């Protein structure tokens, strides 16, 4: 009888270990899903940021063209032209940074 009790106890312990292993596997699966979702949403945010930066670059280019004309006609100072060029370059730098960020995020998904 004691042998049967020992076997039953060992069987109960083994079943408990199986339940623990399944729970750990489920947690690992949830952790992976969460990480994938986080990277996916970061990519979406970076893409939206990239689009906004491209729009800023276009606006800066237009402003730059206007400033060039205004300086030619003497209706604005050359400092305004330099400032608009600086805004353009800052936007270009931001676009490059965003592109690098997107590249890194895409590598995380592979």
PDB file of N, CA and C in Angstrom:
ATOM      1  N   UNK A   1       0.817  -1.187   0.000  1.00  0.00           N
ATOM      2  CA  UNK A   1       0.000   0.000   0.000  1.00  0.00           C
ATOM      3  C   UNK A   1       0.868   1.261   0.000  1.00  0.00           C
ATOM      4  N   UNK A   2       1.952   1.249   0.751  1.00  0.00           N
ATOM      5  CA  UNK A   2       2.809   2.432   0.798  1.00  0.00           C
ATOM      6  C   UNK A   2       3.456   2.696  -0.549  1.00  0.00           C
ATOM      7  N   UNK A   3       3.728   1.631  -1.295  1.00  0.00           N
ATOM      8  CA  UNK A   3       4.308   1.811  -2.612  1.00  0.00           C
ATOM      9  C   UNK A   3       3.316   2.527  -3.527  1.00  0.00           C
ATOM     10  N   UNK A   4       2.048   2.144  -3.444  1.00  0.00           N
ATOM     11  CA  UNK A   4       1.025   2.802  -4.247  1.00  0.00           C
ATOM     12  C   UNK A   4       0.873   4.265  -3.854  1.00  0.00           C
ATOM     13  N   UNK A   5       0.968   4.573  -2.574  1.00  0.00           N
ATOM     14  CA  UNK A   5       0.882   5.965  -2.120  1.00  0.00           C
ATOM     15  C   UNK A   5       2.066   6.768  -2.634  1.00  0.00           C
ATOM     16  N   UNK A   6       3.230   6.165  -2.605  1.00  0.00           N
ATOM     17  CA  UNK A   6       4.415   6.850  -3.119  1.00  0.00           C
ATOM     18  C   UNK A   6       4.286   7.115  -4.621  1.00  0.00           C
ATOM     19  N   UNK A   7       3.764   6.129  -5.342  1.00  0.00           N
ATOM     20  CA  UNK A   7       3.570   6.298  -6.779  1.00  0.00           C
ATOM     21  C   UNK A   7       2.548   7.397  -7.050  1.00  0.00           C
ATOM     22  N   UNK A   8       1.452   7.395  -6.276  1.00  0.00           N
ATOM     23  CA  UNK A   8       0.427   8.425  -6.448  1.00  0.00           C
ATOM     24  C   UNK A   8       0.995   9.809  -6.145  1.00  0.00           C
ATOM     25  N   UNK A   9       1.787   9.919  -5.090  1.00  0.00           N
ATOM     26  CA  UNK A   9       2.393  11.205  -4.749  1.00  0.00           C
ATOM     27  C   UNK A   9       3.343  11.671  -5.858  1.00  0.00           C
ATOM     28  N   UNK A  10       4.133  10.739  -6.373  1.00  0.00           N
ATOM     29  CA  UNK A  10       5.058  11.083  -7.456  1.00  0.00           C
ATOM     30  C   UNK A  10       4.285  11.502  -8.702  1.00  0.00           C
ATOM     31  N   UNK A  11       3.179  10.796  -8.958  1.00  0.00           N
ATOM     32  CA  UNK A  11       2.331  11.145 -10.095  1.00  0.00           C
ATOM     33  C   UNK A  11       1.720  12.537  -9.908  1.00  0.00           C
ATOM     34  N   UNK A  12       1.265  12.855  -8.707  1.00  0.00           N
ATOM     35  CA  UNK A  12       0.705  14.178  -8.406  1.00  0.00           C
ATOM     36  C   UNK A  12       1.752  15.273  -8.587  1.00  0.00           C
ATOM     37  N   UNK A  13       2.962  14.988  -8.126  1.00  0.00           N
ATOM     38  CA  UNK A  13       4.052  15.947  -8.283  1.00  0.00           C
ATOM     39  C   UNK A  13       4.353  16.156  -9.768  1.00  0.00           C
ATOM     40  N   UNK A  14       4.389  15.090 -10.535  1.00  0.00           N
ATOM     41  CA  UNK A  14       4.666  15.192 -11.962  1.00  0.00           C
ATOM     42  C   UNK A  14       3.572  15.996 -12.667  1.00  0.00           C
ATOM     43  N   UNK A  15       2.317  15.761 -12.289  1.00  0.00           N
ATOM     44  CA  UNK A  15       1.213  16.522 -12.901  1.00  0.00           C
ATOM     45  C   UNK A  15       1.308  18.001 -12.530  1.00  0.00           C
ATOM     46  N   UNK A  16       1.694  18.287 -11.314  1.00  0.00           N
ATOM     47  CA  UNK A  16       1.854  19.681 -10.895  1.00  0.00           C
ATOM     48  C   UNK A  16       2.980  20.340 -11.692  1.00  0.00           C
ATOM     49  N   UNK A  17       4.065  19.614 -11.907  1.00  0.00           N
ATOM     50  CA  UNK A  17       5.174  20.154 -12.687  1.00  0.00           C
ATOM     51  C   UNK A  17       4.759  20.408 -14.140  1.00  0.00           C
ATOM     52  N   UNK A  18       3.923  19.532 -14.675  1.00  0.00           N
ATOM     53  CA  UNK A  18       3.422  19.720 -16.035  1.00  0.00           C
ATOM     54  C   UNK A  18       2.566  20.990 -16.096  1.00  0.00           C
ATOM     55  N   UNK A  19       1.704  21.195 -15.099  1.00  0.00           N
ATOM     56  CA  UNK A  19       0.863  22.398 -15.066  1.00  0.00           C
ATOM     57  C   UNK A  19       1.726  23.655 -14.957  1.00  0.00           C
ATOM     58  N   UNK A  20       2.757  23.600 -14.139  1.00  0.00           N
ATOM     59  CA  UNK A  20       3.665  24.742 -14.002  1.00  0.00           C
ATOM     60  C   UNK A  20       4.375  25.014 -15.327  1.00  0.00           C
ATOM     61  N   UNK A  21       4.832  23.979 -15.981  1.00  0.00           N
ATOM     62  CA  UNK A  21       5.519  24.134 -17.271  1.00  0.00           C
ATOM     63  C   UNK A  21       4.591  24.733 -18.316  1.00  0.00           C
ATOM     64  N   UNK A  22       3.337  24.281 -18.338  1.00  0.00           N
ATOM     65  CA  UNK A  22       2.372  24.842 -19.287  1.00  0.00           C
ATOM     66  C   UNK A  22       2.105  26.315 -18.996  1.00  0.00           C
ATOM     67  N   UNK A  23       1.999  26.641 -17.715  1.00  0.00           N
ATOM     68  CA  UNK A  23       1.774  28.045 -17.342  1.00  0.00           C
ATOM     69  C   UNK A  23       2.966  28.908 -17.753  1.00  0.00           C
ATOM     70  N   UNK A  24       4.175  28.389 -17.552  1.00  0.00           N
ATOM     71  CA  UNK A  24       5.375  29.135 -17.953  1.00  0.00           C
ATOM     72  C   UNK A  24       5.417  29.306 -19.471  1.00  0.00           C
ATOM     73  N   UNK A  25       5.037  28.278 -20.201  1.00  0.00           N
ATOM     74  CA  UNK A  25       5.016  28.367 -21.666  1.00  0.00           C
ATOM     75  C   UNK A  25       3.990  29.409 -22.113  1.00  0.00           C
ATOM     76  N   UNK A  26       2.843  29.433 -21.451  1.00  0.00           N
ATOM     77  CA  UNK A  26       1.822  30.429 -21.781  1.00  0.00           C
ATOM     78  C   UNK A  26       2.336  31.838 -21.502  1.00  0.00           C
ATOM     79  N   UNK A  27       3.012  32.021 -20.378  1.00  0.00           N
ATOM     80  CA  UNK A  27       3.575  33.335 -20.053  1.00  0.00           C
ATOM     81  C   UNK A  27       4.621  33.755 -21.076  1.00  0.00           C
ATOM     82  N   UNK A  28       5.453  32.820 -21.489  1.00  0.00           N
ATOM     83  CA  UNK A  28       6.461  33.120 -22.495  1.00  0.00           C
ATOM     84  C   UNK A  28       5.806  33.525 -23.807  1.00  0.00           C
ATOM     85  N   UNK A  29       4.769  32.819 -24.191  1.00  0.00           N
ATOM     86  CA  UNK A  29       4.033  33.165 -25.401  1.00  0.00           C
ATOM     87  C   UNK A  29       3.418  34.554 -25.298  1.00  0.00           C
ATOM     88  N   UNK A  30       2.863  34.865 -24.140  1.00  0.00           N
ATOM     89  CA  UNK A  30       2.289  36.194 -23.930  1.00  0.00           C
ATOM     90  C   UNK A  30       3.363  37.279 -23.982  1.00  0.00           C
ATOM     91  N   UNK A  31       4.526  36.992 -23.409  1.00  0.00           N
ATOM     92  CA  UNK A  31       5.634  37.957 -23.430  1.00  0.00           C
ATOM     93  C   UNK A  31       6.094  38.229 -24.858  1.00  0.00           C
ATOM     94  N   UNK A  32       6.181  37.176 -25.657  1.00  0.00           N
ATOM     95  CA  UNK A  32       6.596  37.334 -27.055  1.00  0.00           C
ATOM     96  C   UNK A  32       5.550  38.149 -27.814  1.00  0.00           C
ATOM     97  N   UNK A  33       4.283  37.831 -27.614  1.00  0.00           N
ATOM     98  CA  UNK A  33       3.215  38.579 -28.295  1.00  0.00           C
ATOM     99  C   UNK A  33       3.240  40.050 -27.897  1.00  0.00           C
ATOM    100  N   UNK A  34       3.463  40.318 -26.627  1.00  0.00           N
ATOM    101  CA  UNK A  34       3.528  41.703 -26.157  1.00  0.00           C
ATOM    102  C   UNK A  34       4.700  42.439 -26.809  1.00  0.00           C
ATOM    103  N   UNK A  35       5.849  41.792 -26.867  1.00  0.00           N
ATOM    104  CA  UNK A  35       7.031  42.421 -27.472  1.00  0.00           C
ATOM    105  C   UNK A  35       6.797  42.715 -28.951  1.00  0.00           C
ATOM    106  N   UNK A  36       6.168  41.788 -29.666  1.00  0.00           N
ATOM    107  CA  UNK A  36       5.885  41.997 -31.080  1.00  0.00           C
ATOM    108  C   UNK A  36       4.913  43.165 -31.253  1.00  0.00           C
ATOM    109  N   UNK A  37       3.881  43.210 -30.418  1.00  0.00           N
ATOM    110  CA  UNK A  37       2.923  44.322 -30.503  1.00  0.00           C
ATOM    111  C   UNK A  37       3.604  45.664 -30.207  1.00  0.00           C
ATOM    112  N   UNK A  38       4.467  45.682 -29.228  1.00  0.00           N
ATOM    113  CA  UNK A  38       5.157  46.928 -28.897  1.00  0.00           C
ATOM    114  C   UNK A  38       6.008  47.415 -30.062  1.00  0.00           C
ATOM    115  N   UNK A  39       6.751  46.512 -30.680  1.00  0.00           N
ATOM    116  CA  UNK A  39       7.590  46.898 -31.821  1.00  0.00           C
ATOM    117  C   UNK A  39       6.710  47.347 -32.980  1.00  0.00           C
ATOM    118  N   UNK A  40       5.600  46.645 -33.213  1.00  0.00           N
ATOM    119  CA  UNK A  40       4.695  47.006 -34.306  1.00  0.00           C
ATOM    120  C   UNK A  40       4.150  48.419 -34.115  1.00  0.00           C
ATOM    121  N   UNK A  41       3.705  48.740 -32.913  1.00  0.00           N
ATOM    122  CA  UNK A  41       3.157  50.073 -32.674  1.00  0.00           C
ATOM    123  C   UNK A  41       4.240  51.152 -32.713  1.00  0.00           C
ATOM    124  N   UNK A  42       5.440  50.810 -32.307  1.00  0.00           N
ATOM    125  CA  UNK A  42       6.548  51.766 -32.439  1.00  0.00           C
ATOM    126  C   UNK A  42       6.828  52.052 -33.910  1.00  0.00           C
ATOM    127  N   UNK A  43       6.728  51.019 -34.746  1.00  0.00           N
ATOM    128  CA  UNK A  43       6.918  51.211 -36.184  1.00  0.00           C
ATOM    129  C   UNK A  43       5.831  52.130 -36.738  1.00  0.00           C
ATOM    130  N   UNK A  44       4.583  51.901 -36.337  1.00  0.00           N
ATOM    131  CA  UNK A  44       3.498  52.762 -36.808  1.00  0.00           C
ATOM    132  C   UNK A  44       3.717  54.217 -36.399  1.00  0.00           C
ATOM    133  N   UNK A  45       4.154  54.414 -35.172  1.00  0.00           N
ATOM    134  CA  UNK A  45       4.412  55.776 -34.681  1.00  0.00           C
ATOM    135  C   UNK A  45       5.563  56.408 -35.471  1.00  0.00           C
ATOM    136  N   UNK A  46       6.623  55.641 -35.690  1.00  0.00           N
ATOM    137  CA  UNK A  46       7.773  56.164 -36.435  1.00  0.00           C
ATOM    138  C   UNK A  46       7.386  56.500 -37.875  1.00  0.00           C
ATOM    139  N   UNK A  47       6.527  55.685 -38.480  1.00  0.00           N
ATOM    140  CA  UNK A  47       6.079  55.977 -39.843  1.00  0.00           C
ATOM    141  C   UNK A  47       5.255  57.263 -39.888  1.00  0.00           C
ATOM    142  N   UNK A  48       4.399  57.457 -38.892  1.00  0.00           N
ATOM    143  CA  UNK A  48       3.610  58.696 -38.831  1.00  0.00           C
ATOM    144  C   UNK A  48       4.538  59.894 -38.626  1.00  0.00           C
ATOM    145  N   UNK A  49       5.539  59.705 -37.768  1.00  0.00           N
ATOM    146  CA  UNK A  49       6.510  60.774 -37.525  1.00  0.00           C
ATOM    147  C   UNK A  49       7.289  61.090 -38.801  1.00  0.00           C
ATOM    148  N   UNK A  50       7.612  60.062 -39.549  1.00  0.00           N
ATOM    149  CA  UNK A  50       8.339  60.245 -40.813  1.00  0.00           C
ATOM    150  C   UNK A  50       7.495  61.050 -41.794  1.00  0.00           C
ATOM    151  N   UNK A  51       6.222  60.719 -41.896  1.00  0.00           N
ATOM    152  CA  UNK A  51       5.333  61.454 -42.806  1.00  0.00           C
ATOM    153  C   UNK A  51       5.236  62.926 -42.405  1.00  0.00           C
ATOM    154  N   UNK A  52       5.133  63.160 -41.098  1.00  0.00           N
ATOM    155  CA  UNK A  52       5.061  64.549 -40.622  1.00  0.00           C
ATOM    156  C   UNK A  52       6.362  65.288 -40.921  1.00  0.00           C
ATOM    157  N   UNK A  53       7.476  64.606 -40.766  1.00  0.00           N
ATOM    158  CA  UNK A  53       8.777  65.230 -41.041  1.00  0.00           C
ATOM    159  C   UNK A  53       8.925  65.535 -42.530  1.00  0.00           C
ATOM    160  N   UNK A  54       8.444  64.628 -43.380  1.00  0.00           N
ATOM    161  CA  UNK A  54       8.486  64.896 -44.817  1.00  0.00           C
ATOM    162  C   UNK A  54       7.656  66.136 -45.160  1.00  0.00           C
ATOM    163  N   UNK A  55       6.511  66.276 -44.510  1.00  0.00           N
ATOM    164  CA  UNK A  55       5.681  67.464 -44.741  1.00  0.00           C
ATOM    165  C   UNK A  55       6.417  68.729 -44.274  1.00  0.00           C
ATOM    166  N   UNK A  56       7.120  68.603 -43.148  1.00  0.00           N
ATOM    167  CA  UNK A  56       7.919  69.737 -42.658  1.00  0.00           C
ATOM    168  C   UNK A  56       9.031  70.100 -43.627  1.00  0.00           C
ATOM    169  N   UNK A  57       9.643  69.102 -44.227  1.00  0.00           N
ATOM    170  CA  UNK A  57      10.706  69.353 -45.210  1.00  0.00           C
ATOM    171  C   UNK A  57      10.128  70.082 -46.416  1.00  0.00           C
ATOM    172  N   UNK A  58       8.976  69.629 -46.885  1.00  0.00           N
ATOM    173  CA  UNK A  58       8.340  70.296 -48.027  1.00  0.00           C
ATOM    174  C   UNK A  58       8.014  71.751 -47.682  1.00  0.00           C
ATOM    175  N   UNK A  59       7.477  71.973 -46.493  1.00  0.00           N
ATOM    176  CA  UNK A  59       7.162  73.344 -46.075  1.00  0.00           C
ATOM    177  C   UNK A  59       8.431  74.180 -45.963  1.00  0.00           C
ATOM    178  N   UNK A  60       9.505  73.580 -45.458  1.00  0.00           N
ATOM    179  CA  UNK A  60      10.781  74.298 -45.341  1.00  0.00           C
ATOM    180  C   UNK A  60      11.346  74.650 -46.709  1.00  0.00           C
ATOM    181  N   UNK A  61      11.193  73.734 -47.665  1.00  0.00           N
ATOM    182  CA  UNK A  61      11.657  74.015 -49.034  1.00  0.00           C
ATOM    183  C   UNK A  61      10.875  75.185 -49.634  1.00  0.00           C
ATOM    184  N   UNK A  62       9.563  75.173 -49.414  1.00  0.00           N
ATOM    185  CA  UNK A  62       8.740  76.274 -49.930  1.00  0.00           C
ATOM    186  C   UNK A  62       9.139  77.594 -49.279  1.00  0.00           C
ATOM    187  N   UNK A  63       9.343  77.554 -47.967  1.00  0.00           N
ATOM    188  CA  UNK A  63       9.755  78.759 -47.252  1.00  0.00           C
ATOM    189  C   UNK A  63      11.113  79.238 -47.750  1.00  0.00           C
ATOM    190  N   UNK A  64      12.002  78.303 -47.996  1.00  0.00           N
ATOM    191  CA  UNK A  64      13.336  78.637 -48.507  1.00  0.00           C
ATOM    192  C   UNK A  64      13.222  79.366 -49.846  1.00  0.00           C
ATOM    193  N   UNK A  65      12.371  78.843 -50.720  1.00  0.00           N
ATOM    194  CA  UNK A  65      12.181  79.490 -52.031  1.00  0.00           C
ATOM    195  C   UNK A  65      11.619  80.901 -51.870  1.00  0.00           C
ATOM    196  N   UNK A  66      10.651  81.042 -50.969  1.00  0.00           N
ATOM    197  CA  UNK A  66      10.083  82.373 -50.722  1.00  0.00           C
ATOM    198  C   UNK A  66      11.135  83.333 -50.177  1.00  0.00           C
ATOM    199  N   UNK A  67      11.931  82.840 -49.247  1.00  0.00           N
ATOM    200  CA  UNK A  67      12.963  83.693 -48.642  1.00  0.00           C
ATOM    201  C   UNK A  67      13.991  84.150 -49.689  1.00  0.00           C
ATOM    202  N   UNK A  68      14.353  83.265 -50.589  1.00  0.00           N
ATOM    203  CA  UNK A  68      15.309  83.632 -51.640  1.00  0.00           C
ATOM    204  C   UNK A  68      14.745  84.784 -52.465  1.00  0.00           C
ATOM    205  N   UNK A  69      13.487  84.653 -52.844  1.00  0.00           N
ATOM    206  CA  UNK A  69      12.844  85.719 -53.619  1.00  0.00           C
ATOM    207  C   UNK A  69      12.746  87.008 -52.815  1.00  0.00           C
ATOM    208  N   UNK A  70      12.411  86.885 -51.541  1.00  0.00           N
ATOM    209  CA  UNK A  70      12.275  88.082 -50.701  1.00  0.00           C
ATOM    210  C   UNK A  70      13.614  88.793 -50.511  1.00  0.00           C
ATOM    211  N   UNK A  71      14.680  88.013 -50.379  1.00  0.00           N
ATOM    212  CA  UNK A  71      16.013  88.617 -50.234  1.00  0.00           C
ATOM    213  C   UNK A  71      16.393  89.329 -51.532  1.00  0.00           C
ATOM    214  N   UNK A  72      16.057  88.714 -52.684  1.00  0.00           N
ATOM    215  CA  UNK A  72      16.355  89.342 -53.977  1.00  0.00           C
ATOM    216  C   UNK A  72      15.682  90.707 -54.101  1.00  0.00           C
ATOM    217  N   UNK A  73      14.442  90.787 -53.643  1.00  0.00           N
ATOM    218  CA  UNK A  73      13.689  92.033 -53.750  1.00  0.00           C
ATOM    219  C   UNK A  73      13.912  92.963 -52.569  1.00  0.00           C
ATOM    220  N   UNK A  74      14.680  92.512 -51.596  1.00  0.00           N
ATOM    221  CA  UNK A  74      15.009  93.355 -50.458  1.00  0.00           C
ATOM    222  C   UNK A  74      13.892  93.504 -49.436  1.00  0.00           C
ATOM    223  N   UNK A  75      12.907  92.603 -49.476  1.00  0.00           N
ATOM    224  CA  UNK A  75      11.792  92.713 -48.530  1.00  0.00           C
ATOM    225  C   UNK A  75      12.032  91.932 -47.237  1.00  0.00           C
ATOM    226  N   UNK A  76      13.130  91.212 -47.161  1.00  0.00           N
ATOM    227  CA  UNK A  76      13.480  90.506 -45.921  1.00  0.00           C
ATOM    228  C   UNK A  76      14.994  90.478 -45.778  1.00  0.00           C
ATOM    229  N   UNK A  77      15.424  90.187 -44.580  1.00  0.00           N
ATOM    230  CA  UNK A  77      16.863  90.129 -44.308  1.00  0.00           C
ATOM    231  C   UNK A  77      17.427  88.764 -44.693  1.00  0.00           C
ATOM    232  N   UNK A  78      18.716  88.749 -44.963  1.00  0.00           N
ATOM    233  CA  UNK A  78      19.367  87.480 -45.287  1.00  0.00           C
ATOM    234  C   UNK A  78      19.354  86.535 -44.085  1.00  0.00           C
ATOM    235  N   UNK A  79      19.255  87.086 -42.890  1.00  0.00           N
ATOM    236  CA  UNK A  79      19.160  86.261 -41.678  1.00  0.00           C
ATOM    237  C   UNK A  79      17.929  85.352 -41.736  1.00  0.00           C
ATOM    238  N   UNK A  80      16.829  85.859 -42.269  1.00  0.00           N
ATOM    239  CA  UNK A  80      15.623  85.040 -42.420  1.00  0.00           C
ATOM    240  C   UNK A  80      15.870  83.874 -43.370  1.00  0.00           C
ATOM    241  N   UNK A  81      16.634  84.124 -44.407  1.00  0.00           N
ATOM    242  CA  UNK A  81      17.000  83.063 -45.350  1.00  0.00           C
ATOM    243  C   UNK A  81      17.853  82.014 -44.652  1.00  0.00           C
ATOM    244  N   UNK A  82      18.799  82.445 -43.844  1.00  0.00           N
ATOM    245  CA  UNK A  82      19.664  81.522 -43.102  1.00  0.00           C
ATOM    246  C   UNK A  82      18.826  80.714 -42.105  1.00  0.00           C
ATOM    247  N   UNK A  83      17.882  81.377 -41.432  1.00  0.00           N
ATOM    248  CA  UNK A  83      17.014  80.674 -40.482  1.00  0.00           C
ATOM    249  C   UNK A  83      16.163  79.613 -41.170  1.00  0.00           C
ATOM    250  N   UNK A  84      15.623  79.935 -42.329  1.00  0.00           N
ATOM    251  CA  UNK A  84      14.798  78.956 -43.047  1.00  0.00           C
ATOM    252  C   UNK A  84      15.643  77.781 -43.527  1.00  0.00           C
ATOM    253  N   UNK A  85      16.885  78.066 -43.901  1.00  0.00           N
ATOM    254  CA  UNK A  85      17.798  76.981 -44.304  1.00  0.00           C
ATOM    255  C   UNK A  85      18.111  76.077 -43.110  1.00  0.00           C
ATOM    256  N   UNK A  86      18.282  76.665 -41.948  1.00  0.00           N
ATOM    257  CA  UNK A  86      18.549  75.884 -40.728  1.00  0.00           C
ATOM    258  C   UNK A  86      17.350  74.992 -40.391  1.00  0.00           C
ATOM    259  N   UNK A  87      16.138  75.523 -40.543  1.00  0.00           N
ATOM    260  CA  UNK A  87      14.936  74.720 -40.297  1.00  0.00           C
ATOM    261  C   UNK A  87      14.869  73.540 -41.265  1.00  0.00           C
ATOM    262  N   UNK A  88      15.203  73.798 -42.508  1.00  0.00           N
ATOM    263  CA  UNK A  88      15.218  72.744 -43.518  1.00  0.00           C
ATOM    264  C   UNK A  88      16.212  71.645 -43.151  1.00  0.00           C
ATOM    265  N   UNK A  89      17.409  72.054 -42.766  1.00  0.00           N
ATOM    266  CA  UNK A  89      18.445  71.076 -42.415  1.00  0.00           C
ATOM    267  C   UNK A  89      18.084  70.288 -41.160  1.00  0.00           C
ATOM    268  N   UNK A  90      17.454  70.940 -40.208  1.00  0.00           N
ATOM    269  CA  UNK A  90      17.002  70.234 -39.004  1.00  0.00           C
ATOM    270  C   UNK A  90      15.954  69.184 -39.356  1.00  0.00           C
ATOM    271  N   UNK A  91      15.047  69.538 -40.234  1.00  0.00           N
ATOM    272  CA  UNK A  91      14.027  68.582 -40.657  1.00  0.00           C
ATOM    273  C   UNK A  91      14.648  67.405 -41.403  1.00  0.00           C
ATOM    274  N   UNK A  92      15.636  67.673 -42.247  1.00  0.00           N
ATOM    275  CA  UNK A  92      16.330  66.591 -42.960  1.00  0.00           C
ATOM    276  C   UNK A  92      17.043  65.658 -41.973  1.00  0.00           C
ATOM    277  N   UNK A  93      17.681  66.246 -40.963  1.00  0.00           N
ATOM    278  CA  UNK A  93      18.354  65.440 -39.943  1.00  0.00           C
ATOM    279  C   UNK A  93      17.346  64.582 -39.191  1.00  0.00           C
ATOM    280  N   UNK A  94      16.209  65.146 -38.874  1.00  0.00           N
ATOM    281  CA  UNK A  94      15.162  64.399 -38.172  1.00  0.00           C
ATOM    282  C   UNK A  94      14.652  63.249 -39.039  1.00  0.00           C
ATOM    283  N   UNK A  95      14.538  63.485 -40.345  1.00  0.00           N
ATOM    284  CA  UNK A  95      14.108  62.424 -41.252  1.00  0.00           C
ATOM    285  C   UNK A  95      15.123  61.284 -41.271  1.00  0.00           C
ATOM    286  N   UNK A  96      16.399  61.617 -41.317  1.00  0.00           N
ATOM    287  CA  UNK A  96      17.440  60.581 -41.297  1.00  0.00           C
ATOM    288  C   UNK A  96      17.397  59.785 -40.002  1.00  0.00           C
ATOM    289  N   UNK A  97      17.207  60.474 -38.894  1.00  0.00           N
ATOM    290  CA  UNK A  97      17.119  59.801 -37.592  1.00  0.00           C
ATOM    291  C   UNK A  97      15.912  58.871 -37.542  1.00  0.00           C
ATOM    292  N   UNK A  98      14.797  59.338 -38.062  1.00  0.00           N
ATOM    293  CA  UNK A  98      13.584  58.516 -38.080  1.00  0.00           C
ATOM    294  C   UNK A  98      13.775  57.302 -38.981  1.00  0.00           C
ATOM    295  N   UNK A  99      14.436  57.480 -40.118  1.00  0.00           N
ATOM    296  CA  UNK A  99      14.703  56.351 -41.010  1.00  0.00           C
ATOM    297  C   UNK A  99      15.581  55.305 -40.328  1.00  0.00           C
ATOM    298  N   UNK A 100      16.569  55.745 -39.580  1.00  0.00           N
ATOM    299  CA  UNK A 100      17.415  54.801 -38.834  1.00  0.00           C
ATOM    300  C   UNK A 100      16.603  54.062 -37.775  1.00  0.00           C
ATOM    301  N   UNK A 101      15.745  54.790 -37.096  1.00  0.00           N
ATOM    302  CA  UNK A 101      14.895  54.178 -36.074  1.00  0.00           C
ATOM    303  C   UNK A 101      13.979  53.130 -36.716  1.00  0.00           C
ATOM    304  N   UNK A 102      13.382  53.467 -37.847  1.00  0.00           N
ATOM    305  CA  UNK A 102      12.519  52.506 -38.541  1.00  0.00           C
ATOM    306  C   UNK A 102      13.305  51.271 -38.972  1.00  0.00           C
ATOM    307  N   UNK A 103      14.501  51.485 -39.445  1.00  0.00           N
ATOM    308  CA  UNK A 103      15.343  50.361 -39.856  1.00  0.00           C
ATOM    309  C   UNK A 103      15.637  49.437 -38.671  1.00  0.00           C
ATOM    310  N   UNK A 104      15.984  50.039 -37.544  1.00  0.00           N
ATOM    311  CA  UNK A 104      16.249  49.235 -36.342  1.00  0.00           C
ATOM    312  C   UNK A 104      15.012  48.457 -35.894  1.00  0.00           C
ATOM    313  N   UNK A 105      13.863  49.109 -35.930  1.00  0.00           N
ATOM    314  CA  UNK A 105      12.629  48.445 -35.507  1.00  0.00           C
ATOM    315  C   UNK A 105      12.267  47.302 -36.454  1.00  0.00           C
ATOM    316  N   UNK A 106      12.458  47.518 -37.750  1.00  0.00           N
ATOM    317  CA  UNK A 106      12.166  46.454 -38.705  1.00  0.00           C
ATOM    318  C   UNK A 106      13.097  45.259 -38.515  1.00  0.00           C
ATOM    319  N   UNK A 107      14.334  45.526 -38.144  1.00  0.00           N
ATOM    320  CA  UNK A 107      15.272  44.426 -37.867  1.00  0.00           C
ATOM    321  C   UNK A 107      14.829  43.618 -36.651  1.00  0.00           C
ATOM    322  N   UNK A 108      14.223  44.279 -35.676  1.00  0.00           N
ATOM    323  CA  UNK A 108      13.749  43.564 -34.484  1.00  0.00           C
ATOM    324  C   UNK A 108      12.650  42.566 -34.825  1.00  0.00           C
ATOM    325  N   UNK A 109      11.885  42.856 -35.847  1.00  0.00           N
ATOM    326  CA  UNK A 109      10.793  41.937 -36.224  1.00  0.00           C
ATOM    327  C   UNK A 109      11.275  40.741 -37.037  1.00  0.00           C
ATOM    328  N   UNK A 110      12.465  40.837 -37.571  1.00  0.00           N
ATOM    329  CA  UNK A 110      12.960  39.739 -38.423  1.00  0.00           C
ATOM    330  C   UNK A 110      13.580  38.653 -37.604  1.00  0.00           C
TER     331      UNK A 110
END
